[in-house]
Structures are given as structure tokens and as C-alpha cells.
PDB file of all heavy atoms in Angstrom:
ATOM      1  N   PRO A   1     121.947  97.953 110.097  1.00  0.00           N
ATOM      2  CA  PRO A   1     121.056  97.934 111.258  1.00  0.00           C
ATOM      3  C   PRO A   1     119.594  97.740 110.848  1.00  0.00           C
ATOM      4  O   PRO A   1     119.202  98.064 109.726  1.00  0.00           O
ATOM      5  CB  PRO A   1     121.248  99.331 111.848  1.00  0.00           C
ATOM      6  CG  PRO A   1     121.488 100.190 110.636  1.00  0.00           C
ATOM      7  CD  PRO A   1     122.276  99.327 109.666  1.00  0.00           C
ATOM      8  N   GLN A   2     118.815  97.223 111.771  1.00  0.00           N
ATOM      9  CA  GLN A   2     117.372  97.199 111.560  1.00  0.00           C
ATOM     10  C   GLN A   2     116.772  98.574 111.826  1.00  0.00           C
ATOM     11  O   GLN A   2     115.803  98.969 111.174  1.00  0.00           O
ATOM     12  CB  GLN A   2     116.726  96.167 112.489  1.00  0.00           C
ATOM     13  CG  GLN A   2     117.109  94.732 112.199  1.00  0.00           C
ATOM     14  CD  GLN A   2     116.432  93.762 113.139  1.00  0.00           C
ATOM     15  OE1 GLN A   2     115.283  93.948 113.534  1.00  0.00           O
ATOM     16  NE2 GLN A   2     117.148  92.713 113.523  1.00  0.00           N
ATOM     17  N   VAL A   3     117.352  99.284 112.804  1.00  0.00           N
ATOM     18  CA  VAL A   3     116.851 100.608 113.181  1.00  0.00           C
ATOM     19  C   VAL A   3     118.032 101.574 113.232  1.00  0.00           C
ATOM     20  O   VAL A   3     119.047 101.291 113.877  1.00  0.00           O
ATOM     21  CB  VAL A   3     116.143 100.584 114.550  1.00  0.00           C
ATOM     22  CG1 VAL A   3     115.583 101.967 114.880  1.00  0.00           C
ATOM     23  CG2 VAL A   3     115.028  99.539 114.563  1.00  0.00           C
ATOM     24  N   LEU A   4     117.897 102.698 112.551  1.00  0.00           N
ATOM     25  CA  LEU A   4     118.929 103.732 112.536  1.00  0.00           C
ATOM     26  C   LEU A   4     118.425 104.948 113.305  1.00  0.00           C
ATOM     27  O   LEU A   4     117.368 105.500 112.996  1.00  0.00           O
ATOM     28  CB  LEU A   4     119.257 104.132 111.096  1.00  0.00           C
ATOM     29  CG  LEU A   4     120.235 105.298 110.906  1.00  0.00           C
ATOM     30  CD1 LEU A   4     121.600 104.971 111.494  1.00  0.00           C
ATOM     31  CD2 LEU A   4     120.357 105.662 109.426  1.00  0.00           C
ATOM     32  N   PHE A   5     119.188 105.352 114.314  1.00  0.00           N
ATOM     33  CA  PHE A   5     118.855 106.541 115.098  1.00  0.00           C
ATOM     34  C   PHE A   5     119.737 107.703 114.637  1.00  0.00           C
ATOM     35  O   PHE A   5     120.969 107.575 114.615  1.00  0.00           O
ATOM     36  CB  PHE A   5     119.071 106.286 116.587  1.00  0.00           C
ATOM     37  CG  PHE A   5     118.073 105.338 117.193  1.00  0.00           C
ATOM     38  CD1 PHE A   5     118.329 103.969 117.220  1.00  0.00           C
ATOM     39  CD2 PHE A   5     116.882 105.806 117.728  1.00  0.00           C
ATOM     40  CE1 PHE A   5     117.413 103.090 117.776  1.00  0.00           C
ATOM     41  CE2 PHE A   5     115.955 104.925 118.285  1.00  0.00           C
ATOM     42  CZ  PHE A   5     116.219 103.571 118.308  1.00  0.00           C
ATOM     43  N   LEU A   6     119.109 108.813 114.300  1.00  0.00           N
ATOM     44  CA  LEU A   6     119.819 110.001 113.841  1.00  0.00           C
ATOM     45  C   LEU A   6     119.471 111.166 114.756  1.00  0.00           C
ATOM     46  O   LEU A   6     118.334 111.645 114.765  1.00  0.00           O
ATOM     47  CB  LEU A   6     119.421 110.339 112.393  1.00  0.00           C
ATOM     48  CG  LEU A   6     119.669 109.262 111.343  1.00  0.00           C
ATOM     49  CD1 LEU A   6     119.120 109.707 109.988  1.00  0.00           C
ATOM     50  CD2 LEU A   6     121.160 108.965 111.232  1.00  0.00           C
ATOM     51  N   ASP A   7     120.446 111.618 115.534  1.00  0.00           N
ATOM     52  CA  ASP A   7     120.225 112.719 116.469  1.00  0.00           C
ATOM     53  C   ASP A   7     120.717 114.012 115.823  1.00  0.00           C
ATOM     54  O   ASP A   7     121.908 114.300 115.797  1.00  0.00           O
ATOM     55  CB  ASP A   7     120.968 112.445 117.775  1.00  0.00           C
ATOM     56  CG  ASP A   7     120.587 113.417 118.887  1.00  0.00           C
ATOM     57  OD1 ASP A   7     119.610 114.181 118.705  1.00  0.00           O
ATOM     58  OD2 ASP A   7     121.260 113.416 119.928  1.00  0.00           O
ATOM     59  N   GLU A   8     119.761 114.772 115.267  1.00  0.00           N
ATOM     60  CA  GLU A   8     120.049 116.038 114.584  1.00  0.00           C
ATOM     61  C   GLU A   8     121.190 115.863 113.577  1.00  0.00           C
ATOM     62  O   GLU A   8     122.235 116.510 113.682  1.00  0.00           O
ATOM     63  CB  GLU A   8     120.349 117.130 115.606  1.00  0.00           C
ATOM     64  CG  GLU A   8     119.181 117.364 116.560  1.00  0.00           C
ATOM     65  CD  GLU A   8     119.354 118.566 117.469  1.00  0.00           C
ATOM     66  OE1 GLU A   8     120.283 119.368 117.220  1.00  0.00           O
ATOM     67  OE2 GLU A   8     118.562 118.710 118.401  1.00  0.00           O
ATOM     68  N   PRO A   9     120.999 115.018 112.578  1.00  0.00           N
ATOM     69  CA  PRO A   9     122.107 114.637 111.684  1.00  0.00           C
ATOM     70  C   PRO A   9     122.600 115.739 110.761  1.00  0.00           C
ATOM     71  O   PRO A   9     123.706 115.622 110.242  1.00  0.00           O
ATOM     72  CB  PRO A   9     121.500 113.488 110.871  1.00  0.00           C
ATOM     73  CG  PRO A   9     120.031 113.780 110.859  1.00  0.00           C
ATOM     74  CD  PRO A   9     119.740 114.341 112.216  1.00  0.00           C
ATOM     75  N   THR A  10     121.804 116.789 110.526  1.00  0.00           N
ATOM     76  CA  THR A  10     122.252 117.818 109.580  1.00  0.00           C
ATOM     77  C   THR A  10     122.604 119.130 110.262  1.00  0.00           C
ATOM     78  O   THR A  10     122.734 120.152 109.594  1.00  0.00           O
ATOM     79  CB  THR A  10     121.176 118.074 108.504  1.00  0.00           C
ATOM     80  OG1 THR A  10     119.987 118.587 109.124  1.00  0.00           O
ATOM     81  CG2 THR A  10     120.837 116.800 107.750  1.00  0.00           C
ATOM     82  N   THR A  11     122.769 119.117 111.579  1.00  0.00           N
ATOM     83  CA  THR A  11     123.197 120.325 112.284  1.00  0.00           C
ATOM     84  C   THR A  11     124.557 120.782 111.755  1.00  0.00           C
ATOM     85  O   THR A  11     125.500 119.998 111.680  1.00  0.00           O
ATOM     86  CB  THR A  11     123.295 120.056 113.799  1.00  0.00           C
ATOM     87  OG1 THR A  11     121.998 119.731 114.296  1.00  0.00           O
ATOM     88  CG2 THR A  11     123.828 121.275 114.530  1.00  0.00           C
ATOM     89  N   GLY A  12     124.644 122.049 111.373  1.00  0.00           N
ATOM     90  CA  GLY A  12     125.895 122.601 110.869  1.00  0.00           C
ATOM     91  C   GLY A  12     126.192 122.298 109.418  1.00  0.00           C
ATOM     92  O   GLY A  12     127.254 122.665 108.920  1.00  0.00           O
ATOM     93  N   VAL A  13     125.272 121.632 108.716  1.00  0.00           N
ATOM     94  CA  VAL A  13     125.473 121.295 107.307  1.00  0.00           C
ATOM     95  C   VAL A  13     124.776 122.346 106.444  1.00  0.00           C
ATOM     96  O   VAL A  13     123.655 122.763 106.745  1.00  0.00           O
ATOM     97  CB  VAL A  13     124.906 119.884 107.003  1.00  0.00           C
ATOM     98  CG1 VAL A  13     125.053 119.555 105.525  1.00  0.00           C
ATOM     99  CG2 VAL A  13     125.617 118.852 107.861  1.00  0.00           C
ATOM    100  N   ASP A  14     125.443 122.773 105.367  1.00  0.00           N
ATOM    101  CA  ASP A  14     124.860 123.814 104.520  1.00  0.00           C
ATOM    102  C   ASP A  14     123.636 123.278 103.775  1.00  0.00           C
ATOM    103  O   ASP A  14     123.441 122.056 103.658  1.00  0.00           O
ATOM    104  CB  ASP A  14     125.896 124.353 103.527  1.00  0.00           C
ATOM    105  CG  ASP A  14     126.358 123.302 102.531  1.00  0.00           C
ATOM    106  OD1 ASP A  14     125.561 122.910 101.659  1.00  0.00           O
ATOM    107  OD2 ASP A  14     127.515 122.855 102.634  1.00  0.00           O
ATOM    108  N   PRO A  15     122.761 124.187 103.280  1.00  0.00           N
ATOM    109  CA  PRO A  15     121.488 123.755 102.680  1.00  0.00           C
ATOM    110  C   PRO A  15     121.631 122.748 101.543  1.00  0.00           C
ATOM    111  O   PRO A  15     120.845 121.805 101.450  1.00  0.00           O
ATOM    112  CB  PRO A  15     120.876 125.072 102.181  1.00  0.00           C
ATOM    113  CG  PRO A  15     121.411 126.099 103.119  1.00  0.00           C
ATOM    114  CD  PRO A  15     122.824 125.656 103.406  1.00  0.00           C
ATOM    115  N   ARG A  16     122.642 122.918 100.682  1.00  0.00           N
ATOM    116  CA  ARG A  16     122.795 121.983  99.561  1.00  0.00           C
ATOM    117  C   ARG A  16     123.122 120.576 100.058  1.00  0.00           C
ATOM    118  O   ARG A  16     122.502 119.583  99.636  1.00  0.00           O
ATOM    119  CB  ARG A  16     123.890 122.480  98.618  1.00  0.00           C
ATOM    120  CG  ARG A  16     124.142 121.528  97.446  1.00  0.00           C
ATOM    121  CD  ARG A  16     125.192 122.079  96.511  1.00  0.00           C
ATOM    122  NE  ARG A  16     125.460 121.158  95.417  1.00  0.00           N
ATOM    123  CZ  ARG A  16     126.330 121.401  94.442  1.00  0.00           C
ATOM    124  NH1 ARG A  16     126.994 122.538  94.416  1.00  0.00           N
ATOM    125  NH2 ARG A  16     126.533 120.505  93.492  1.00  0.00           N
ATOM    126  N   ASN A  17     124.096 120.479 100.955  1.00  0.00           N
ATOM    127  CA  ASN A  17     124.468 119.169 101.479  1.00  0.00           C
ATOM    128  C   ASN A  17     123.372 118.577 102.349  1.00  0.00           C
ATOM    129  O   ASN A  17     123.222 117.359 102.439  1.00  0.00           O
ATOM    130  CB  ASN A  17     125.776 119.269 102.267  1.00  0.00           C
ATOM    131  CG  ASN A  17     126.995 119.311 101.363  1.00  0.00           C
ATOM    132  OD1 ASN A  17     127.199 118.423 100.552  1.00  0.00           O
ATOM    133  ND2 ASN A  17     127.797 120.353 101.491  1.00  0.00           N
ATOM    134  N   ARG A  18     122.590 119.455 103.006  1.00  0.00           N
ATOM    135  CA  ARG A  18     121.473 118.968 103.809  1.00  0.00           C
ATOM    136  C   ARG A  18     120.477 118.226 102.933  1.00  0.00           C
ATOM    137  O   ARG A  18     119.999 117.144 103.278  1.00  0.00           O
ATOM    138  CB  ARG A  18     120.801 120.141 104.518  1.00  0.00           C
ATOM    139  CG  ARG A  18     119.680 119.726 105.471  1.00  0.00           C
ATOM    140  CD  ARG A  18     119.107 120.924 106.201  1.00  0.00           C
ATOM    141  NE  ARG A  18     120.087 121.496 107.101  1.00  0.00           N
ATOM    142  CZ  ARG A  18     120.452 122.775 107.098  1.00  0.00           C
ATOM    143  NH1 ARG A  18     119.937 123.607 106.209  1.00  0.00           N
ATOM    144  NH2 ARG A  18     121.340 123.209 107.956  1.00  0.00           N
ATOM    145  N   ARG A  19     120.162 118.782 101.772  1.00  0.00           N
ATOM    146  CA  ARG A  19     119.216 118.126 100.870  1.00  0.00           C
ATOM    147  C   ARG A  19     119.774 116.811 100.321  1.00  0.00           C
ATOM    148  O   ARG A  19     119.031 115.848 100.126  1.00  0.00           O
ATOM    149  CB  ARG A  19     118.825 119.078  99.740  1.00  0.00           C
ATOM    150  CG  ARG A  19     117.829 120.141 100.196  1.00  0.00           C
ATOM    151  CD  ARG A  19     117.635 121.248  99.173  1.00  0.00           C
ATOM    152  NE  ARG A  19     116.526 122.103  99.523  1.00  0.00           N
ATOM    153  CZ  ARG A  19     116.559 123.043 100.464  1.00  0.00           C
ATOM    154  NH1 ARG A  19     117.668 123.229 101.168  1.00  0.00           N
ATOM    155  NH2 ARG A  19     115.500 123.779 100.732  1.00  0.00           N
ATOM    156  N   GLU A  20     121.074 116.764 100.084  1.00  0.00           N
ATOM    157  CA  GLU A  20     121.684 115.513  99.636  1.00  0.00           C
ATOM    158  C   GLU A  20     121.568 114.439 100.721  1.00  0.00           C
ATOM    159  O   GLU A  20     121.299 113.269 100.431  1.00  0.00           O
ATOM    160  CB  GLU A  20     123.155 115.747  99.278  1.00  0.00           C
ATOM    161  CG  GLU A  20     123.350 116.595  98.016  1.00  0.00           C
ATOM    162  CD  GLU A  20     124.817 116.849  97.721  1.00  0.00           C
ATOM    163  OE1 GLU A  20     125.670 116.453  98.563  1.00  0.00           O
ATOM    164  OE2 GLU A  20     125.118 117.442  96.671  1.00  0.00           O
ATOM    165  N   LEU A  21     121.745 114.846 101.979  1.00  0.00           N
ATOM    166  CA  LEU A  21     121.607 113.896 103.077  1.00  0.00           C
ATOM    167  C   LEU A  21     120.169 113.413 103.212  1.00  0.00           C
ATOM    168  O   LEU A  21     119.927 112.245 103.534  1.00  0.00           O
ATOM    169  CB  LEU A  21     122.076 114.534 104.388  1.00  0.00           C
ATOM    170  CG  LEU A  21     123.588 114.594 104.592  1.00  0.00           C
ATOM    171  CD1 LEU A  21     123.925 115.459 105.796  1.00  0.00           C
ATOM    172  CD2 LEU A  21     124.168 113.199 104.789  1.00  0.00           C
ATOM    173  N   TRP A  22     119.211 114.298 102.949  1.00  0.00           N
ATOM    174  CA  TRP A  22     117.810 113.881 102.978  1.00  0.00           C
ATOM    175  C   TRP A  22     117.569 112.754 101.975  1.00  0.00           C
ATOM    176  O   TRP A  22     116.854 111.788 102.274  1.00  0.00           O
ATOM    177  CB  TRP A  22     116.890 115.051 102.654  1.00  0.00           C
ATOM    178  CG  TRP A  22     116.854 116.129 103.701  1.00  0.00           C
ATOM    179  CD1 TRP A  22     117.357 116.064 104.970  1.00  0.00           C
ATOM    180  CD2 TRP A  22     116.288 117.423 103.560  1.00  0.00           C
ATOM    181  NE1 TRP A  22     117.144 117.255 105.624  1.00  0.00           N
ATOM    182  CE2 TRP A  22     116.489 118.111 104.786  1.00  0.00           C
ATOM    183  CE3 TRP A  22     115.643 118.092 102.515  1.00  0.00           C
ATOM    184  CZ2 TRP A  22     116.043 119.411 104.994  1.00  0.00           C
ATOM    185  CZ3 TRP A  22     115.196 119.384 102.719  1.00  0.00           C
ATOM    186  CH2 TRP A  22     115.391 120.038 103.944  1.00  0.00           C
ATOM    187  N   GLU A  23     118.155 112.889 100.793  1.00  0.00           N
ATOM    188  CA  GLU A  23     117.977 111.845  99.773  1.00  0.00           C
ATOM    189  C   GLU A  23     118.586 110.519 100.236  1.00  0.00           C
ATOM    190  O   GLU A  23     118.011 109.436 100.009  1.00  0.00           O
ATOM    191  CB  GLU A  23     118.623 112.296  98.459  1.00  0.00           C
ATOM    192  CG  GLU A  23     117.927 113.491  97.808  1.00  0.00           C
ATOM    193  CD  GLU A  23     118.637 113.953  96.556  1.00  0.00           C
ATOM    194  OE1 GLU A  23     119.616 113.285  96.156  1.00  0.00           O
ATOM    195  OE2 GLU A  23     118.222 114.978  95.975  1.00  0.00           O
ATOM    196  N   VAL A  24     119.746 110.594 100.885  1.00  0.00           N
ATOM    197  CA  VAL A  24     120.391 109.372 101.393  1.00  0.00           C
ATOM    198  C   VAL A  24     119.517 108.718 102.457  1.00  0.00           C
ATOM    199  O   VAL A  24     119.285 107.498 102.443  1.00  0.00           O
ATOM    200  CB  VAL A  24     121.784 109.698 101.965  1.00  0.00           C
ATOM    201  CG1 VAL A  24     122.354 108.486 102.694  1.00  0.00           C
ATOM    202  CG2 VAL A  24     122.729 110.128 100.850  1.00  0.00           C
ATOM    203  N   ILE A  25     119.009 109.520 103.391  1.00  0.00           N
ATOM    204  CA  ILE A  25     118.188 108.980 104.477  1.00  0.00           C
ATOM    205  C   ILE A  25     116.915 108.350 103.931  1.00  0.00           C
ATOM    206  O   ILE A  25     116.504 107.265 104.351  1.00  0.00           O
ATOM    207  CB  ILE A  25     117.869 110.088 105.498  1.00  0.00           C
ATOM    208  CG1 ILE A  25     119.161 110.528 106.211  1.00  0.00           C
ATOM    209  CG2 ILE A  25     116.838 109.603 106.521  1.00  0.00           C
ATOM    210  CD1 ILE A  25     119.011 111.800 107.017  1.00  0.00           C
ATOM    211  N   ARG A  26     116.296 109.000 102.973  1.00  0.00           N
ATOM    212  CA  ARG A  26     115.084 108.451 102.363  1.00  0.00           C
ATOM    213  C   ARG A  26     115.393 107.134 101.660  1.00  0.00           C
ATOM    214  O   ARG A  26     114.604 106.177 101.742  1.00  0.00           O
ATOM    215  CB  ARG A  26     114.491 109.472 101.400  1.00  0.00           C
ATOM    216  CG  ARG A  26     113.339 108.965 100.521  1.00  0.00           C
ATOM    217  CD  ARG A  26     112.258 108.262 101.288  1.00  0.00           C
ATOM    218  NE  ARG A  26     111.536 109.123 102.193  1.00  0.00           N
ATOM    219  CZ  ARG A  26     110.608 108.679 103.040  1.00  0.00           C
ATOM    220  NH1 ARG A  26     110.333 107.379 103.109  1.00  0.00           N
ATOM    221  NH2 ARG A  26     109.984 109.513 103.846  1.00  0.00           N
ATOM    222  N   SER A  27     116.532 107.042 100.997  1.00  0.00           N
ATOM    223  CA  SER A  27     116.879 105.801 100.302  1.00  0.00           C
ATOM    224  C   SER A  27     117.097 104.659 101.292  1.00  0.00           C
ATOM    225  O   SER A  27     116.781 103.500 101.009  1.00  0.00           O
ATOM    226  CB  SER A  27     118.134 105.995  99.445  1.00  0.00           C
ATOM    227  OG  SER A  27     119.302 106.137 100.240  1.00  0.00           O
ATOM    228  N   LEU A  28     117.622 104.963 102.465  1.00  0.00           N
ATOM    229  CA  LEU A  28     117.822 103.935 103.495  1.00  0.00           C
ATOM    230  C   LEU A  28     116.477 103.386 103.959  1.00  0.00           C
ATOM    231  O   LEU A  28     116.301 102.173 104.135  1.00  0.00           O
ATOM    232  CB  LEU A  28     118.593 104.521 104.677  1.00  0.00           C
ATOM    233  CG  LEU A  28     120.010 105.030 104.381  1.00  0.00           C
ATOM    234  CD1 LEU A  28     120.618 105.640 105.629  1.00  0.00           C
ATOM    235  CD2 LEU A  28     120.892 103.915 103.850  1.00  0.00           C
ATOM    236  N   ALA A  29     115.509 104.271 104.172  1.00  0.00           N
ATOM    237  CA  ALA A  29     114.180 103.826 104.588  1.00  0.00           C
ATOM    238  C   ALA A  29     113.500 103.042 103.480  1.00  0.00           C
ATOM    239  O   ALA A  29     112.830 102.034 103.742  1.00  0.00           O
ATOM    240  CB  ALA A  29     113.333 105.031 104.997  1.00  0.00           C
ATOM    241  N   ASP A  30     113.679 103.477 102.250  1.00  0.00           N
ATOM    242  CA  ASP A  30     113.075 102.769 101.117  1.00  0.00           C
ATOM    243  C   ASP A  30     113.614 101.340 101.015  1.00  0.00           C
ATOM    244  O   ASP A  30     112.930 100.449 100.513  1.00  0.00           O
ATOM    245  CB  ASP A  30     113.342 103.518  99.817  1.00  0.00           C
ATOM    246  CG  ASP A  30     112.549 104.824  99.719  1.00  0.00           C
ATOM    247  OD1 ASP A  30     111.582 104.988 100.489  1.00  0.00           O
ATOM    248  OD2 ASP A  30     112.898 105.676  98.880  1.00  0.00           O
ATOM    249  N   ALA A  31     114.850 101.142 101.493  1.00  0.00           N
ATOM    250  CA  ALA A  31     115.455  99.806 101.457  1.00  0.00           C
ATOM    251  C   ALA A  31     115.059  98.958 102.664  1.00  0.00           C
ATOM    252  O   ALA A  31     115.499  97.812 102.776  1.00  0.00           O
ATOM    253  CB  ALA A  31     116.976  99.925 101.389  1.00  0.00           C
ATOM    254  N   GLY A  32     114.234  99.519 103.582  1.00  0.00           N
ATOM    255  CA  GLY A  32     113.706  98.734 104.676  1.00  0.00           C
ATOM    256  C   GLY A  32     114.185  99.087 106.069  1.00  0.00           C
ATOM    257  O   GLY A  32     113.716  98.513 107.054  1.00  0.00           O
ATOM    258  N   THR A  33     115.136 100.025 106.185  1.00  0.00           N
ATOM    259  CA  THR A  33     115.632 100.423 107.504  1.00  0.00           C
ATOM    260  C   THR A  33     114.643 101.374 108.171  1.00  0.00           C
ATOM    261  O   THR A  33     114.171 102.321 107.551  1.00  0.00           O
ATOM    262  CB  THR A  33     117.001 101.112 107.386  1.00  0.00           C
ATOM    263  OG1 THR A  33     117.932 100.210 106.796  1.00  0.00           O
ATOM    264  CG2 THR A  33     117.528 101.544 108.752  1.00  0.00           C
ATOM    265  N   THR A  34     114.341 101.136 109.434  1.00  0.00           N
ATOM    266  CA  THR A  34     113.541 102.074 110.208  1.00  0.00           C
ATOM    267  C   THR A  34     114.447 103.211 110.659  1.00  0.00           C
ATOM    268  O   THR A  34     115.554 102.980 111.148  1.00  0.00           O
ATOM    269  CB  THR A  34     112.934 101.389 111.449  1.00  0.00           C
ATOM    270  OG1 THR A  34     112.117 100.298 111.015  1.00  0.00           O
ATOM    271  CG2 THR A  34     112.093 102.357 112.259  1.00  0.00           C
ATOM    272  N   VAL A  35     113.992 104.453 110.481  1.00  0.00           N
ATOM    273  CA  VAL A  35     114.792 105.628 110.835  1.00  0.00           C
ATOM    274  C   VAL A  35     114.055 106.432 111.904  1.00  0.00           C
ATOM    275  O   VAL A  35     112.899 106.822 111.707  1.00  0.00           O
ATOM    276  CB  VAL A  35     115.067 106.520 109.612  1.00  0.00           C
ATOM    277  CG1 VAL A  35     115.869 107.758 110.024  1.00  0.00           C
ATOM    278  CG2 VAL A  35     115.815 105.736 108.531  1.00  0.00           C
ATOM    279  N   PHE A  36     114.735 106.653 113.023  1.00  0.00           N
ATOM    280  CA  PHE A  36     114.207 107.510 114.093  1.00  0.00           C
ATOM    281  C   PHE A  36     115.075 108.756 114.106  1.00  0.00           C
ATOM    282  O   PHE A  36     116.276 108.691 114.373  1.00  0.00           O
ATOM    283  CB  PHE A  36     114.267 106.789 115.434  1.00  0.00           C
ATOM    284  CG  PHE A  36     113.617 107.537 116.560  1.00  0.00           C
ATOM    285  CD1 PHE A  36     112.318 107.241 116.947  1.00  0.00           C
ATOM    286  CD2 PHE A  36     114.295 108.526 117.252  1.00  0.00           C
ATOM    287  CE1 PHE A  36     111.705 107.928 117.996  1.00  0.00           C
ATOM    288  CE2 PHE A  36     113.702 109.218 118.294  1.00  0.00           C
ATOM    289  CZ  PHE A  36     112.405 108.923 118.671  1.00  0.00           C
ATOM    290  N   LEU A  37     114.466 109.891 113.845  1.00  0.00           N
ATOM    291  CA  LEU A  37     115.191 111.126 113.575  1.00  0.00           C
ATOM    292  C   LEU A  37     114.770 112.206 114.559  1.00  0.00           C
ATOM    293  O   LEU A  37     113.573 112.427 114.775  1.00  0.00           O
ATOM    294  CB  LEU A  37     114.866 111.571 112.134  1.00  0.00           C
ATOM    295  CG  LEU A  37     115.284 112.952 111.665  1.00  0.00           C
ATOM    296  CD1 LEU A  37     116.771 112.976 111.367  1.00  0.00           C
ATOM    297  CD2 LEU A  37     114.495 113.322 110.414  1.00  0.00           C
ATOM    298  N   THR A  38     115.734 112.872 115.187  1.00  0.00           N
ATOM    299  CA  THR A  38     115.423 114.086 115.927  1.00  0.00           C
ATOM    300  C   THR A  38     115.971 115.274 115.147  1.00  0.00           C
ATOM    301  O   THR A  38     117.016 115.174 114.497  1.00  0.00           O
ATOM    302  CB  THR A  38     116.031 114.098 117.344  1.00  0.00           C
ATOM    303  OG1 THR A  38     117.455 114.241 117.264  1.00  0.00           O
ATOM    304  CG2 THR A  38     115.684 112.833 118.091  1.00  0.00           C
ATOM    305  N   THR A  39     115.257 116.370 115.197  1.00  0.00           N
ATOM    306  CA  THR A  39     115.679 117.528 114.423  1.00  0.00           C
ATOM    307  C   THR A  39     115.082 118.801 114.986  1.00  0.00           C
ATOM    308  O   THR A  39     114.019 118.780 115.617  1.00  0.00           O
ATOM    309  CB  THR A  39     115.290 117.389 112.942  1.00  0.00           C
ATOM    310  OG1 THR A  39     115.780 118.515 112.208  1.00  0.00           O
ATOM    311  CG2 THR A  39     113.774 117.298 112.766  1.00  0.00           C
ATOM    312  N   GLN A  40     115.789 119.913 114.789  1.00  0.00           N
ATOM    313  CA  GLN A  40     115.244 121.233 115.066  1.00  0.00           C
ATOM    314  C   GLN A  40     114.736 121.896 113.788  1.00  0.00           C
ATOM    315  O   GLN A  40     114.089 122.934 113.845  1.00  0.00           O
ATOM    316  CB  GLN A  40     116.316 122.137 115.676  1.00  0.00           C
ATOM    317  CG  GLN A  40     116.808 121.694 117.047  1.00  0.00           C
ATOM    318  CD  GLN A  40     117.817 122.659 117.605  1.00  0.00           C
ATOM    319  OE1 GLN A  40     117.581 123.858 117.699  1.00  0.00           O
ATOM    320  NE2 GLN A  40     118.969 122.144 117.975  1.00  0.00           N
ATOM    321  N   TYR A  41     115.059 121.305 112.635  1.00  0.00           N
ATOM    322  CA  TYR A  41     114.722 121.923 111.372  1.00  0.00           C
ATOM    323  C   TYR A  41     113.325 121.502 110.915  1.00  0.00           C
ATOM    324  O   TYR A  41     113.055 120.331 110.673  1.00  0.00           O
ATOM    325  CB  TYR A  41     115.750 121.542 110.303  1.00  0.00           C
ATOM    326  CG  TYR A  41     117.133 122.081 110.582  1.00  0.00           C
ATOM    327  CD1 TYR A  41     118.194 121.218 110.837  1.00  0.00           C
ATOM    328  CD2 TYR A  41     117.375 123.442 110.598  1.00  0.00           C
ATOM    329  CE1 TYR A  41     119.461 121.699 111.099  1.00  0.00           C
ATOM    330  CE2 TYR A  41     118.636 123.940 110.866  1.00  0.00           C
ATOM    331  CZ  TYR A  41     119.679 123.065 111.115  1.00  0.00           C
ATOM    332  OH  TYR A  41     120.933 123.549 111.372  1.00  0.00           O
TER     333      TYR A  41
END
């Protein structure tokens, strides 16, 4: 996609896996994808 929408993507995920997902999301943006993220965290 050109734009990735993430609606509270780490809800219910434990802290370790949450940080791993952060790295994945950052890598997607670094590759050129626009990320629109909603979060309570």
C-alpha cells in the first residue's frame, strides 16, 4: 500500500512483542509507506 492505517495495532500485545511491532512499523515507514496510527498507548 501507499498508505497503511493501523487502528490500535498493539492492543492486547505484551510489552516485548509490542516493541518488536514498533520496529516493524518503523521499518515500513523507512521504506516509504505512510503510516496513520491510532493508539491509546
